[in-house]
Each structure stands twice: as structure tokens, then as C-alpha cells.
Amino acid sequence: MEAESSLAGLKKITVDSLTIGMYVAQLDRAWEDSNYPVQGFYIRSRQGIERLSRGCVFVYVDPRRYDSGLTDVKLHVVSKARRAKDGEPRTNPRHRIQPRKPREYQDTVELGNELEPARTSLDEAVEIMRSCVSKLQSTGGFDIDQIERAISPLIESVMRNKSAMAALLRMRSVDDYTFSHSISNAVWGAILARQLGFPPNEIDSIALACSLLDIGKIHLPKELLIQKEAPSTEQWQTLKSHVEEGMKLLDDNDVINKKVRHAVQSHHERFDGSGYPMGLGGTEIPLYARIAGIVDSYDAMISERPYAEARSSYGAVQELQQQADVLFQKELVEHFIQAIGVFPVGAIVELNTGEVGVVVAQHGSRRLKPKIIMLLDAEKQPRSHLVIVDLSTQDNGENSTLVWWITKELPMNAFGIDPGKYFL
């Protein structure tokens, strides 16, 4: 009855009968067996239908959620300057820029072997950035070479193994969000740039750009940055001024790299034209800024801040997925999710049995089915024997019963668990 209830109002059709604008509400298999991180999505392109056909024969669509606006080819760029009188975006004949992937990087070092070098590099980066922030606060100046020296080992670690540094960032608690956010942004930027297949010099440049996004906040009142209340309209305008202040600091310190400047100036622009400071939309937003906007938002969501609790990585991924082609370019969001995983290495997760474990490895093609080391039993007591379960290898045939699946990601340090002890 429950299954029938979940399909109420839905229409079963074959994948080859799908058209752009339809809303896919159910697959012909469980969502956790698919490559789609979030349940439910609109068909936006022929490529989307082709991708779906590689895993499904039929789907269930919701006729009530058909979006006729998607049937027009998405070549428009939304901006305040280009809105029609009725408020609807006009089309733009320019081709929509999509990220290319000229090369594919592979991890060259096992996760367990990369953790210690990554931890050392992160500790050193924290100290260097702490010094840079202190100098910036006292003199208004910073040494771009020193910042590059801080993040360069982080990028090298990402290139050797993309999961080690990411896992450490999620587990680490740093007392100053200002420079810890800069370090984290650099790492997430490098991870996304690696996933997109950029050449090494471009990866370095993107990571540097992401590390400087909030540099202008140095000049904002500290009490405004740490207050727990939502900012007033006047305070919000002050907060938004960090973009202009950041550009002034780049000018004063002779940072002339155009792409870095684009990222700092436009990382709060949004794909639908709703961002600031210029209300750019679509591919009017420079590529570095589109990348920066995603990593900046992701790190903010998973970080503990005075006015907001940290979300789980899974929760942040869901939010990014929901905002694909609204606030952020869909293709870039998909690449970022592929790079970091839905349940990332180091995540503490609870399973359908009530047991608790830590994700120790991911599978690129089965993002909802990572490898987990089981630590607590169903009563949340330590297991007498630790067991490693690879969810991707469970028999999901028609006559089999799925033994384990993840029901939720738990907060970091839940039940006193230190994930770093269990990486393979």
C-alpha cells in the first residue's frame, strides 16, 4: 500500500517517451541504486534523457509539475540589464558555456598514506594564513607570495588524493572562521578544478582566487561578523560591501591576475541574476566566479558560524542540487558533487539498522553506496568486532533483500567518534 501511495498521481512512461520539461518523480529502481543524488528532477535536455536511458527502462513522471519554460533552448543569460518589461528573462543567442574536461586526474596515493602529509600541510597553512590575516588587519597589506606558499602544498595533496584533505577539513575545528574559510575555499576550489580537468596552472590559479574571496571582510566591523542575529537591512548592505573592499585590497597590493579579480568581484553573482554587486546572470558571470560561488556557499553551509549551525555535507549537497540552474550553473554543481561525493569520506552515518559507521571510501558510479566501517551496533554501543561493509557490492537483485543503506549523515563527532582513526 505504501508503494502504491507513493505513486499516486504519477504516470508511468518509457524513458524514450520523455520530453524536455517533464518532472521525473520516481525511477524503475530505488533512488539509492541510481547515480542521482537527490530524488526528483526536471528533464532539461536531450542529454539528460540519454543519461537516464543508460540506467532505466521506464520512469514515473508527475504531470502536475510539467515546466513548459524548459522546452525553450536554454541559451538565455539573465541579468538586471536584460530583463523584459514583464520581468521575464530574454533569450541570449550566445552558446551556453559548459565546462570541458580535457584531462582526467587519478589519485596516485592511497588515502591512508596521504592523511599525514595532508595534516602537516594543513597545519602549516593555518599558521601562515593566521600571520597573513594579522598583518592585513594591522597594516592593510598582504604578501600574495606568502598566501601562495600556504595553499600550494594543499593543492599538491589534492592532486595526489582528493579525499584526504577534504576529510581533514570536515573534521577540523579552527577558531577563526575568517582564515579557515579561506583555506577551505582554496581546497574545494582545487578539488572542483581537478574534477573539471583544468591544467595544473589553472588549478593553482582557481585555488588562489578562492582563498581571497572574503578578504574584504577584514575591514568590516568584527561585531557584525560574529553576531548571532540576522543582519538588518543596513547591516546587510555593509556585509555586501566586502566585495568592494576586497577589490580595493587587490588594487592596493598589486594583484593584477584578471581571473582572480573576477572571482573576488563576482563570487556573489548568481546564475538567475539575483546576486550582487552587478546582478550578472548566466555566463555573463566569469567562470572563476561561478566556480567560486559554489565552493564558497558549500563551505559556508558545512561550517559552524555564529548565526547558523553547520549542515551535514549531504544537506549542503541537497541544497546545491536544488539550486542548480537557479543560483548556480547546473553542470558545475554536478561536477562538484561528483568530486566530493554525496556521503564523503570521513562522514559519520547512520544506517537503516540503527547501526553507525564512518565512510572510508567512495564509489564514483554509485555515490549513495560508499564503503563504511561499522562502529556502533543498533543500540549505539561499540561493536565487539569492527566490520567493513561495501554497500556497492550488496546484491540488489529482484529476489534479494538489501541489508544496509544509509538513512542519514550525523554531525561530526557524533557519539564521540573520531573518523580520522578509521581511514584505510
Protein backbone atom coordinates (compact mmCIF):
# COMPACT_ATOMS: atom_id res chain seq x y z
CA MET A 1 0.00 0.00 0.00
CA GLU A 2 2.82 2.38 0.85
CA ALA A 3 4.43 1.88 -2.57
CA GLU A 4 1.10 2.44 -4.32
CA SER A 5 0.50 5.59 -2.27
CA SER A 6 3.89 7.00 -3.27
CA LEU A 7 2.94 6.61 -6.96
CA ALA A 8 -0.46 8.28 -6.65
CA GLY A 9 -0.99 10.84 -9.38
CA LEU A 10 2.15 9.76 -11.28
CA LYS A 11 2.25 8.49 -14.86
CA LYS A 12 4.43 5.55 -15.89
CA ILE A 13 6.20 6.03 -19.23
CA THR A 14 9.24 4.63 -21.01
CA VAL A 15 12.40 6.70 -20.91
CA ASP A 16 12.41 7.15 -24.69
CA SER A 17 8.96 8.78 -24.38
CA LEU A 18 10.26 11.54 -22.12
CA THR A 19 10.32 15.12 -23.34
CA ILE A 20 12.03 18.21 -22.03
CA GLY A 21 10.03 19.86 -19.25
CA MET A 22 8.71 16.65 -17.67
CA TYR A 23 9.33 16.04 -13.97
CA VAL A 24 10.70 12.59 -13.07
CA ALA A 25 9.34 11.72 -9.62
CA GLN A 26 10.22 8.00 -9.44
CA LEU A 27 12.56 5.62 -11.25
CA ASP A 28 12.07 1.97 -12.08
CA ARG A 29 14.52 1.23 -9.25
CA ALA A 30 15.35 2.62 -5.83
CA TRP A 31 16.96 6.07 -5.87
CA GLU A 32 19.90 4.80 -3.83
CA ASP A 33 20.70 2.41 -6.68
CA SER A 34 20.98 5.26 -9.16
CA ASN A 35 23.56 7.94 -9.86
CA TYR A 36 21.15 10.74 -8.94
CA PRO A 37 22.00 12.27 -5.53
CA VAL A 38 18.60 13.88 -4.93
CA GLN A 39 15.18 12.38 -5.64
CA GLY A 40 13.11 14.11 -8.31
CA PHE A 41 14.28 16.30 -11.19
CA TYR A 42 13.13 18.05 -14.35
CA ILE A 43 14.19 16.84 -17.79
CA ARG A 44 16.18 19.80 -19.09
CA SER A 45 17.91 18.44 -22.20
CA ARG A 46 18.20 15.51 -24.60
CA GLN A 47 21.47 14.66 -22.87
CA GLY A 48 19.53 14.23 -19.64
CA ILE A 49 17.20 11.74 -21.30
CA GLU A 50 20.15 9.84 -22.78
CA ARG A 51 21.82 9.70 -19.36
CA LEU A 52 18.62 8.35 -17.80
CA SER A 53 18.25 5.71 -20.51
CA ARG A 54 21.60 4.22 -19.52
CA GLY A 55 20.14 3.12 -16.18
CA CYS A 56 16.35 2.96 -16.53
CA VAL A 57 13.78 1.47 -18.89
CA PHE A 58 10.77 3.38 -17.55
CA VAL A 59 10.10 6.16 -15.01
CA TYR A 60 7.15 7.80 -13.28
CA VAL A 61 6.52 11.43 -14.16
CA ASP A 62 4.37 13.94 -12.30
CA PRO A 63 2.09 15.68 -14.87
CA ARG A 64 1.29 18.38 -12.30
CA ARG A 65 4.88 19.58 -12.31
CA TYR A 66 5.50 19.97 -16.04
CA ASP A 67 7.65 23.05 -16.76
CA SER A 68 6.89 24.43 -20.21
CA GLY A 69 9.61 27.04 -19.78
CA LEU A 70 12.24 24.34 -20.16
CA THR A 71 11.10 23.49 -23.67
CA ASP A 72 12.86 26.60 -24.95
CA VAL A 73 16.54 26.00 -25.59
CA LYS A 74 18.44 27.35 -22.58
CA LEU A 75 20.65 29.90 -24.22
CA HIS A 76 19.48 32.85 -22.15
CA VAL A 77 21.58 34.84 -19.75
CA VAL A 78 19.60 36.55 -17.04
CA SER A 79 20.67 39.96 -15.81
CA LYS A 80 19.02 43.06 -14.48
CA ALA A 81 20.03 44.93 -17.60
CA ARG A 82 18.38 42.35 -19.88
CA ARG A 83 15.05 41.68 -18.19
CA ALA A 84 11.98 42.25 -20.30
CA LYS A 85 9.30 44.66 -19.13
CA ASP A 86 7.18 41.85 -17.77
CA GLY A 87 10.09 40.68 -15.61
CA GLU A 88 10.82 37.56 -17.65
CA PRO A 89 14.36 36.94 -18.93
CA ARG A 90 15.02 37.42 -22.61
CA THR A 91 16.89 34.82 -24.58
CA ASN A 92 20.50 35.31 -25.48
CA PRO A 93 21.81 33.81 -28.74
CA ARG A 94 25.24 33.13 -27.27
CA HIS A 95 26.09 29.48 -26.74
CA ARG A 96 25.86 28.41 -23.13
CA ILE A 97 29.37 27.75 -21.91
CA GLN A 98 29.77 24.34 -20.34
CA PRO A 99 32.87 23.10 -18.53
CA ARG A 100 35.12 20.94 -20.63
CA LYS A 101 37.20 18.07 -19.37
CA PRO A 102 40.38 17.81 -21.46
CA ARG A 103 42.08 15.53 -18.95
CA GLU A 104 41.17 13.15 -16.18
CA TYR A 105 43.20 13.01 -12.98
CA GLN A 106 43.59 9.85 -10.90
CA ASP A 107 44.62 9.55 -7.27
CA THR A 108 48.25 8.49 -7.09
CA VAL A 109 48.47 7.92 -3.33
CA GLU A 110 46.21 5.83 -1.11
CA LEU A 111 44.00 7.77 1.30
CA GLY A 112 45.67 6.35 4.42
CA ASN A 113 49.12 7.27 3.14
CA GLU A 114 48.11 10.82 2.26
CA LEU A 115 46.48 11.75 5.57
CA GLU A 116 49.66 12.59 7.46
CA PRO A 117 51.23 14.74 4.70
CA ALA A 118 47.86 16.44 4.27
CA ARG A 119 47.58 17.10 8.01
CA THR A 120 51.09 18.60 8.11
CA SER A 121 50.37 20.82 5.10
CA LEU A 122 47.09 21.97 6.65
CA ASP A 123 48.75 22.84 9.97
CA GLU A 124 51.39 24.87 8.16
CA ALA A 125 48.79 26.63 6.01
CA VAL A 126 46.80 27.61 9.11
CA GLU A 127 49.86 29.24 10.68
CA ILE A 128 50.81 31.09 7.51
CA MET A 129 47.28 32.33 6.93
CA ARG A 130 46.98 33.36 10.57
CA SER A 131 50.06 35.51 10.08
CA CYS A 132 48.72 36.93 6.80
CA VAL A 133 45.41 37.90 8.41
CA SER A 134 47.19 39.51 11.36
CA LYS A 135 49.36 41.57 9.01
CA LEU A 136 46.36 42.52 6.91
CA GLN A 137 44.44 43.67 9.98
CA SER A 138 47.30 45.79 11.27
CA THR A 139 48.75 47.25 8.07
CA GLY A 140 46.19 46.69 5.31
CA GLY A 141 48.79 44.84 3.28
CA PHE A 142 49.42 41.20 2.42
CA ASP A 143 52.04 39.21 0.55
CA ILE A 144 50.43 37.26 -2.28
CA ASP A 145 53.51 35.03 -2.46
CA GLN A 146 53.01 34.09 1.18
CA ILE A 147 49.41 33.10 0.54
CA GLU A 148 50.50 31.01 -2.44
CA ARG A 149 53.11 29.37 -0.20
CA ALA A 150 50.33 28.46 2.24
CA ILE A 151 47.97 26.88 -0.28
CA SER A 152 50.46 25.28 -2.70
CA PRO A 153 51.04 22.16 -0.51
CA LEU A 154 47.26 21.86 -0.07
CA ILE A 155 46.80 21.75 -3.84
CA GLU A 156 49.59 19.19 -4.19
CA SER A 157 47.82 17.00 -1.65
CA VAL A 158 44.53 17.33 -3.55
CA MET A 159 46.27 16.24 -6.74
CA ARG A 160 47.70 13.16 -5.02
CA ASN A 161 44.41 12.20 -3.36
CA LYS A 162 41.33 14.42 -3.46
CA SER A 163 39.65 12.83 -0.43
CA ALA A 164 42.33 13.17 2.26
CA MET A 165 42.45 16.95 2.54
CA ALA A 166 38.67 17.22 2.16
CA ALA A 167 38.14 14.77 5.02
CA LEU A 168 40.54 16.68 7.29
CA LEU A 169 38.76 19.96 6.57
CA ARG A 170 35.43 18.49 7.62
CA MET A 171 36.86 17.09 10.84
CA ARG A 172 38.98 20.06 11.78
CA SER A 173 37.74 22.81 14.09
CA VAL A 174 39.52 26.13 13.60
CA ASP A 175 38.79 29.02 15.93
CA ASP A 176 38.83 31.78 13.32
CA TYR A 177 36.32 31.39 10.50
CA THR A 178 37.94 34.23 8.54
CA PHE A 179 41.12 32.42 7.57
CA SER A 180 39.86 28.84 7.96
CA HIS A 181 37.20 29.67 5.35
CA SER A 182 39.95 30.98 3.05
CA ILE A 183 41.92 27.74 3.40
CA SER A 184 38.83 25.58 2.89
CA ASN A 185 37.75 27.55 -0.16
CA ALA A 186 41.18 27.04 -1.71
CA VAL A 187 40.88 23.27 -1.21
CA TRP A 188 37.31 23.00 -2.53
CA GLY A 189 38.30 25.16 -5.49
CA ALA A 190 41.25 22.89 -6.27
CA ILE A 191 39.05 19.78 -5.96
CA LEU A 192 36.45 21.16 -8.36
CA ALA A 193 39.09 22.41 -10.80
CA ARG A 194 40.73 18.97 -10.77
CA GLN A 195 37.35 17.34 -11.44
CA LEU A 196 36.79 19.71 -14.37
CA GLY A 197 40.14 18.67 -15.81
CA PHE A 198 41.85 22.06 -15.76
CA PRO A 199 45.63 22.09 -16.31
CA PRO A 200 47.79 22.41 -13.16
CA ASN A 201 48.48 26.14 -13.55
CA GLU A 202 44.76 26.84 -13.80
CA ILE A 203 44.07 24.71 -10.72
CA ASP A 204 46.64 26.78 -8.82
CA SER A 205 45.03 29.99 -10.03
CA ILE A 206 41.50 28.89 -9.08
CA ALA A 207 42.62 27.82 -5.61
CA LEU A 208 44.36 31.17 -5.09
CA ALA A 209 41.26 33.04 -6.24
CA CYS A 210 39.03 31.07 -3.88
CA SER A 211 41.34 31.76 -0.95
CA LEU A 212 40.88 35.52 -1.45
CA LEU A 213 37.08 35.68 -1.82
CA ASP A 214 36.33 37.18 1.59
CA ILE A 215 39.48 39.20 2.05
CA GLY A 216 37.41 42.40 2.13
CA LYS A 217 35.70 41.29 5.36
CA ILE A 218 38.87 42.30 7.19
CA HIS A 219 37.63 45.89 7.02
CA LEU A 220 34.12 45.16 8.31
CA PRO A 221 33.13 45.64 11.97
CA LYS A 222 34.04 42.46 13.84
CA GLU A 223 30.84 42.53 15.88
CA LEU A 224 28.86 42.36 12.64
CA LEU A 225 30.69 39.18 11.60
CA ILE A 226 30.11 37.37 14.89
CA GLN A 227 26.58 38.47 15.82
CA LYS A 228 24.01 35.70 16.16
CA GLU A 229 21.05 37.74 14.98
CA ALA A 230 20.09 38.05 11.34
CA PRO A 231 21.54 41.30 9.90
CA SER A 232 19.28 44.29 9.48
CA THR A 233 18.81 45.87 6.05
CA GLU A 234 21.52 48.41 6.83
CA GLN A 235 23.88 45.74 8.17
CA TRP A 236 23.26 43.61 5.11
CA GLN A 237 24.40 46.47 2.89
CA THR A 238 27.55 46.73 5.00
CA LEU A 239 28.18 43.00 4.66
CA LYS A 240 27.78 43.19 0.88
CA SER A 241 30.43 45.91 0.79
CA HIS A 242 33.12 43.28 1.46
CA VAL A 243 33.27 42.71 -2.30
CA GLU A 244 34.21 46.33 -2.98
CA GLU A 245 36.62 46.32 -0.03
CA GLY A 246 38.22 43.15 -1.37
CA MET A 247 38.78 44.71 -4.77
CA LYS A 248 40.41 47.73 -3.13
CA LEU A 249 42.80 45.43 -1.28
CA LEU A 250 43.70 43.65 -4.52
CA ASP A 251 44.40 47.06 -6.10
CA ASP A 252 46.48 48.23 -3.14
CA ASN A 253 48.55 45.05 -3.14
CA ASP A 254 49.09 44.85 -6.91
CA VAL A 255 47.10 41.68 -7.56
CA ILE A 256 46.55 42.01 -11.31
CA ASN A 257 45.54 38.45 -12.31
CA LYS A 258 42.25 39.11 -14.12
CA LYS A 259 40.70 35.75 -13.33
CA VAL A 260 41.49 36.08 -9.65
CA ARG A 261 39.96 39.55 -9.67
CA HIS A 262 36.87 38.23 -11.47
CA ALA A 263 36.36 35.63 -8.74
CA VAL A 264 36.64 38.14 -5.90
CA GLN A 265 34.39 40.66 -7.62
CA SER A 266 31.66 38.28 -8.80
CA HIS A 267 31.55 35.28 -6.41
CA HIS A 268 28.19 36.51 -5.05
CA GLU A 269 26.63 36.85 -8.51
CA ARG A 270 24.03 34.17 -9.15
CA PHE A 271 23.01 32.29 -12.27
CA ASP A 272 19.47 33.69 -12.29
CA GLY A 273 20.71 37.27 -11.95
CA SER A 274 19.69 37.63 -8.29
CA GLY A 275 23.18 38.15 -6.89
CA TYR A 276 25.39 41.17 -6.29
CA PRO A 277 27.09 43.58 -6.82
CA MET A 278 26.16 43.91 -10.52
CA GLY A 279 23.26 41.49 -10.96
CA LEU A 280 25.07 39.43 -13.61
CA GLY A 281 23.45 36.21 -14.75
CA GLY A 282 24.27 33.01 -16.62
CA THR A 283 27.57 33.03 -18.47
CA GLU A 284 27.93 36.76 -18.01
CA ILE A 285 29.39 35.65 -14.69
CA PRO A 286 33.06 34.78 -15.28
CA LEU A 287 33.83 31.06 -14.98
CA TYR A 288 36.16 31.52 -12.00
CA ALA A 289 33.36 33.37 -10.19
CA ARG A 290 30.82 30.65 -10.99
CA ILE A 291 33.20 28.08 -9.51
CA ALA A 292 33.96 30.31 -6.53
CA GLY A 293 30.28 30.87 -5.79
CA ILE A 294 29.67 27.14 -5.44
CA VAL A 295 32.65 26.33 -3.23
CA ASP A 296 32.13 29.44 -1.08
CA SER A 297 28.49 28.53 -0.49
CA TYR A 298 29.26 24.86 0.21
CA ASP A 299 31.93 25.63 2.78
CA ALA A 300 29.72 28.22 4.48
CA MET A 301 26.92 25.66 4.77
CA ILE A 302 29.09 22.94 6.36
CA SER A 303 30.87 25.36 8.73
CA GLU A 304 29.76 26.32 12.22
CA ARG A 305 29.07 30.06 12.28
CA PRO A 306 27.73 32.39 14.98
CA TYR A 307 24.36 32.75 13.26
CA ALA A 308 23.96 29.28 11.75
CA GLU A 309 24.63 25.67 12.68
CA ALA A 310 26.76 23.61 10.36
CA ARG A 311 24.87 21.42 7.91
CA SER A 312 25.92 17.93 7.01
CA SER A 313 27.71 17.56 3.71
CA TYR A 314 24.69 15.63 2.46
CA GLY A 315 22.39 18.51 3.43
CA ALA A 316 24.67 21.00 1.67
CA VAL A 317 24.77 18.82 -1.45
CA GLN A 318 20.98 18.65 -1.48
CA GLU A 319 20.79 22.44 -1.28
CA LEU A 320 23.24 22.86 -4.16
CA GLN A 321 21.29 20.34 -6.22
CA GLN A 322 18.06 22.23 -5.59
CA GLN A 323 19.69 25.50 -6.66
CA ALA A 324 21.21 24.08 -9.86
CA ASP A 325 20.41 26.44 -12.74
CA VAL A 326 18.80 28.80 -10.26
CA LEU A 327 21.70 30.19 -8.23
CA PHE A 328 24.48 28.06 -9.70
CA GLN A 329 25.28 26.59 -13.09
CA LYS A 330 23.91 23.04 -13.19
CA GLU A 331 26.90 21.44 -14.91
CA LEU A 332 29.32 22.88 -12.36
CA VAL A 333 27.13 21.70 -9.48
CA GLU A 334 27.08 18.18 -10.91
CA HIS A 335 30.86 18.13 -11.28
CA PHE A 336 31.29 19.38 -7.72
CA ILE A 337 29.02 16.67 -6.32
CA GLN A 338 30.91 14.06 -8.34
CA ALA A 339 34.17 15.38 -6.89
CA ILE A 340 33.23 15.48 -3.20
CA GLY A 341 30.67 12.69 -3.05
CA VAL A 342 27.19 12.63 -1.55
CA PHE A 343 28.39 10.90 1.62
CA PRO A 344 32.05 11.97 1.70
CA VAL A 345 34.99 10.15 3.20
CA GLY A 346 35.02 10.89 6.92
CA ALA A 347 31.26 11.30 7.22
CA ILE A 348 29.59 9.65 10.20
CA VAL A 349 26.43 7.93 9.01
CA GLU A 350 23.52 6.01 10.48
CA LEU A 351 22.10 3.04 8.63
CA ASN A 352 18.62 1.56 8.37
CA THR A 353 19.51 -0.98 11.06
CA GLY A 354 20.29 1.80 13.55
CA GLU A 355 24.00 0.99 13.35
CA VAL A 356 26.53 3.80 13.00
CA GLY A 357 29.69 3.89 10.92
CA VAL A 358 32.22 6.06 9.15
CA VAL A 359 32.58 6.39 5.38
CA VAL A 360 36.09 5.29 4.44
CA ALA A 361 35.87 5.11 0.64
CA GLN A 362 33.59 6.21 -2.19
CA HIS A 363 32.49 4.76 -5.50
CA GLY A 364 32.29 7.30 -8.30
CA SER A 365 29.49 5.49 -10.13
CA ARG A 366 27.43 4.63 -7.02
CA ARG A 367 27.60 7.75 -4.91
CA LEU A 368 24.91 6.67 -2.44
CA LYS A 369 26.72 3.39 -1.70
CA PRO A 370 30.16 4.05 -0.19
CA LYS A 371 32.36 1.73 1.84
CA ILE A 372 31.66 2.04 5.58
CA ILE A 373 33.39 0.79 8.72
CA MET A 374 30.69 -0.17 11.22
CA LEU A 375 31.46 1.14 14.73
CA LEU A 376 28.25 1.10 16.80
CA ASP A 377 25.51 -1.50 16.94
CA ALA A 378 21.77 -0.82 16.74
CA GLU A 379 21.73 0.22 20.42
CA LYS A 380 24.55 2.70 19.70
CA GLN A 381 27.05 0.63 21.66
CA PRO A 382 30.60 -0.08 20.41
CA ARG A 383 30.75 -3.24 18.34
CA SER A 384 32.94 -6.04 19.66
CA HIS A 385 34.34 -6.52 16.16
CA LEU A 386 34.62 -3.80 13.56
CA VAL A 387 33.15 -4.72 10.19
CA ILE A 388 33.75 -3.06 6.84
CA VAL A 389 30.72 -3.03 4.57
CA ASP A 390 30.86 -2.05 0.92
CA LEU A 391 27.30 -1.01 0.14
CA SER A 392 28.01 -1.08 -3.60
CA THR A 393 28.59 -4.84 -3.59
CA GLN A 394 25.33 -5.85 -1.92
CA ASP A 395 23.09 -8.00 -4.07
CA ASN A 396 20.22 -5.83 -5.26
CA GLY A 397 18.60 -8.43 -7.45
CA GLU A 398 14.85 -8.78 -7.69
CA ASN A 399 14.70 -11.63 -5.16
CA SER A 400 17.22 -10.25 -2.67
CA THR A 401 16.83 -8.06 0.36
CA LEU A 402 19.05 -5.02 0.76
CA VAL A 403 20.80 -5.48 4.08
CA TRP A 404 22.15 -1.96 4.71
CA TRP A 405 21.55 1.51 3.39
CA ILE A 406 22.33 4.98 4.74
CA THR A 407 19.41 6.81 6.32
CA LYS A 408 21.22 10.00 7.37
CA GLU A 409 24.54 11.69 7.94
CA LEU A 410 25.25 12.52 11.58
CA PRO A 411 27.02 15.60 12.97
CA MET A 412 30.79 15.48 13.15
CA ASN A 413 31.98 13.83 16.40
CA ALA A 414 28.56 12.23 16.98
CA PHE A 415 28.77 9.66 19.80
CA GLY A 416 32.35 10.81 20.40
CA ILE A 417 33.54 9.19 17.18
CA ASP A 418 36.80 10.46 15.68
CA PRO A 419 36.56 9.49 11.99
CA GLY A 420 40.29 10.02 11.43
CA LYS A 421 41.09 6.87 13.37
CA TYR A 422 39.42 4.63 10.84
CA PHE A 423 40.61 5.65 7.40
CA LEU A 424 42.06 2.80 5.41
